[in-house]
Every structure is written in structure tokens, then in C-alpha cells.
Amino acid sequence: MSESTQKEVPWILWPFYALWKVLTLILNITGRIICAVLGLALMATGVAISLSIIGAIIGVPLASFGFLLVVRALF
């Protein structure tokens, strides 16, 4: 349906464009790492809470949410 057309960056603006690309790459990588670490922590907390029968009501959804965060960080 819609074709994405990439516009050429004028040579005078190229340093700013390159800096912007590097900053977005760094922020994307940092966000993925934080998401993965947070997901692992939530999974560990969910499993620890699920060891008691009463805590399973909170622990299972917490662990599954952590798992979904890790999957999101990987893909």
C-alpha cells in the first residue's frame, strides 16, 4: 500500500544525521538490556513468591510478565 521512500540527507547535515543514528542505536541497546534484566528479576521474584500456595496468585502472573519482557527484549 504505502511505499517508504528514503530521502537523501544533504551533505551539510550528514554529521548531525550520523550522530542521531548513533544515539538512537545506543538508546535501543540500553533499553533492550534494561528490559531483559527487569524481566529476569520479575521472573525470579515471581517464582520465589509462587513457592507458597497463597503467593501463587501473585507470583504466577508476575513470572509470566517477566517472561514476556525477556521475550520482548530478545526479539
C-alpha atoms as a PDB file:
ATOM      1  CA  MET A   1       0.000   0.000   0.000  1.00  0.00           C
ATOM      2  CA  SER A   2       2.404   2.669   1.133  1.00  0.00           C
ATOM      3  CA  GLU A   3       5.942   2.749  -0.041  1.00  0.00           C
ATOM      4  CA  SER A   4       8.516   4.184   2.295  1.00  0.00           C
ATOM      5  CA  THR A   5      10.832   6.475   0.430  1.00  0.00           C
ATOM      6  CA  GLN A   6      14.111   7.395   1.971  1.00  0.00           C
ATOM      7  CA  LYS A   7      15.182  10.930   1.337  1.00  0.00           C
ATOM      8  CA  GLU A   8      18.799  11.707   0.857  1.00  0.00           C
ATOM      9  CA  VAL A   9      20.390  13.680   3.648  1.00  0.00           C
ATOM     10  CA  PRO A  10      22.161  16.819   2.425  1.00  0.00           C
ATOM     11  CA  TRP A  11      25.895  16.601   2.874  1.00  0.00           C
ATOM     12  CA  ILE A  12      25.947  19.592   5.205  1.00  0.00           C
ATOM     13  CA  LEU A  13      23.561  17.860   7.630  1.00  0.00           C
ATOM     14  CA  TRP A  14      25.250  14.468   7.459  1.00  0.00           C
ATOM     15  CA  PRO A  15      27.242  14.832  10.752  1.00  0.00           C
ATOM     16  CA  PHE A  16      24.027  15.570  12.664  1.00  0.00           C
ATOM     17  CA  TYR A  17      22.286  12.655  10.963  1.00  0.00           C
ATOM     18  CA  ALA A  18      25.146  10.294  11.870  1.00  0.00           C
ATOM     19  CA  LEU A  19      25.151  11.500  15.483  1.00  0.00           C
ATOM     20  CA  TRP A  20      21.391  10.988  15.690  1.00  0.00           C
ATOM     21  CA  LYS A  21      21.721   7.433  14.341  1.00  0.00           C
ATOM     22  CA  VAL A  22      24.443   6.589  16.885  1.00  0.00           C
ATOM     23  CA  LEU A  23      22.372   7.985  19.755  1.00  0.00           C
ATOM     24  CA  THR A  24      19.286   6.007  18.726  1.00  0.00           C
ATOM     25  CA  LEU A  25      21.382   2.829  18.443  1.00  0.00           C
ATOM     26  CA  ILE A  26      22.803   3.332  21.940  1.00  0.00           C
ATOM     27  CA  LEU A  27      19.358   4.018  23.412  1.00  0.00           C
ATOM     28  CA  ASN A  28      17.852   0.973  21.691  1.00  0.00           C
ATOM     29  CA  ILE A  29      20.576  -1.327  23.009  1.00  0.00           C
ATOM     30  CA  THR A  30      20.344   0.148  26.508  1.00  0.00           C
ATOM     31  CA  GLY A  31      16.565  -0.208  26.526  1.00  0.00           C
ATOM     32  CA  ARG A  32      16.766  -3.851  25.491  1.00  0.00           C
ATOM     33  CA  ILE A  33      19.321  -4.631  28.196  1.00  0.00           C
ATOM     34  CA  ILE A  34      17.237  -2.913  30.879  1.00  0.00           C
ATOM     35  CA  CYS A  35      14.129  -4.743  29.660  1.00  0.00           C
ATOM     36  CA  ALA A  36      15.903  -8.112  29.818  1.00  0.00           C
ATOM     37  CA  VAL A  37      17.336  -7.512  33.298  1.00  0.00           C
ATOM     38  CA  LEU A  38      13.989  -6.292  34.618  1.00  0.00           C
ATOM     39  CA  GLY A  39      12.264  -9.311  33.092  1.00  0.00           C
ATOM     40  CA  LEU A  40      14.718 -11.718  34.696  1.00  0.00           C
ATOM     41  CA  ALA A  41      14.273 -10.021  38.059  1.00  0.00           C
ATOM     42  CA  LEU A  42      10.485 -10.209  37.788  1.00  0.00           C
ATOM     43  CA  MET A  43      10.666 -13.876  36.810  1.00  0.00           C
ATOM     44  CA  ALA A  44      12.881 -14.687  39.787  1.00  0.00           C
ATOM     45  CA  THR A  45      10.607 -12.739  42.128  1.00  0.00           C
ATOM     46  CA  GLY A  46       7.515 -14.430  40.704  1.00  0.00           C
ATOM     47  CA  VAL A  47       9.000 -17.887  41.151  1.00  0.00           C
ATOM     48  CA  ALA A  48      10.091 -17.063  44.703  1.00  0.00           C
ATOM     49  CA  ILE A  49       6.628 -15.778  45.598  1.00  0.00           C
ATOM     50  CA  SER A  50       4.992 -18.796  43.932  1.00  0.00           C
ATOM     51  CA  LEU A  51       6.679 -21.207  46.321  1.00  0.00           C
ATOM     52  CA  SER A  52       3.859 -20.643  48.774  1.00  0.00           C
ATOM     53  CA  ILE A  53       0.326 -21.589  47.775  1.00  0.00           C
ATOM     54  CA  ILE A  54      -1.163 -18.214  48.703  1.00  0.00           C
ATOM     55  CA  GLY A  55       1.605 -16.332  46.906  1.00  0.00           C
ATOM     56  CA  ALA A  56       0.940 -18.230  43.677  1.00  0.00           C
ATOM     57  CA  ILE A  57      -1.943 -15.876  42.930  1.00  0.00           C
ATOM     58  CA  ILE A  58       0.552 -13.024  42.575  1.00  0.00           C
ATOM     59  CA  GLY A  59       3.675 -14.991  41.662  1.00  0.00           C
ATOM     60  CA  VAL A  60       2.472 -16.737  38.509  1.00  0.00           C
ATOM     61  CA  PRO A  61       1.325 -13.563  36.713  1.00  0.00           C
ATOM     62  CA  LEU A  62       4.494 -11.793  37.861  1.00  0.00           C
ATOM     63  CA  ALA A  63       6.706 -14.553  36.472  1.00  0.00           C
ATOM     64  CA  SER A  64       4.771 -14.670  33.212  1.00  0.00           C
ATOM     65  CA  PHE A  65       5.045 -10.884  32.840  1.00  0.00           C
ATOM     66  CA  GLY A  66       8.806 -11.172  33.407  1.00  0.00           C
ATOM     67  CA  PHE A  67       8.997 -13.876  30.769  1.00  0.00           C
ATOM     68  CA  LEU A  68       7.145 -11.682  28.285  1.00  0.00           C
ATOM     69  CA  LEU A  69       9.559  -8.826  28.981  1.00  0.00           C
ATOM     70  CA  VAL A  70      12.542 -11.095  28.294  1.00  0.00           C
ATOM     71  CA  VAL A  71      10.964 -12.314  25.062  1.00  0.00           C
ATOM     72  CA  ARG A  72      10.343  -8.702  24.042  1.00  0.00           C
ATOM     73  CA  ALA A  73      13.959  -7.821  24.795  1.00  0.00           C
ATOM     74  CA  LEU A  74      15.263 -10.671  22.645  1.00  0.00           C
ATOM     75  CA  PHE A  75      13.045 -10.219  19.593  1.00  0.00           C
END
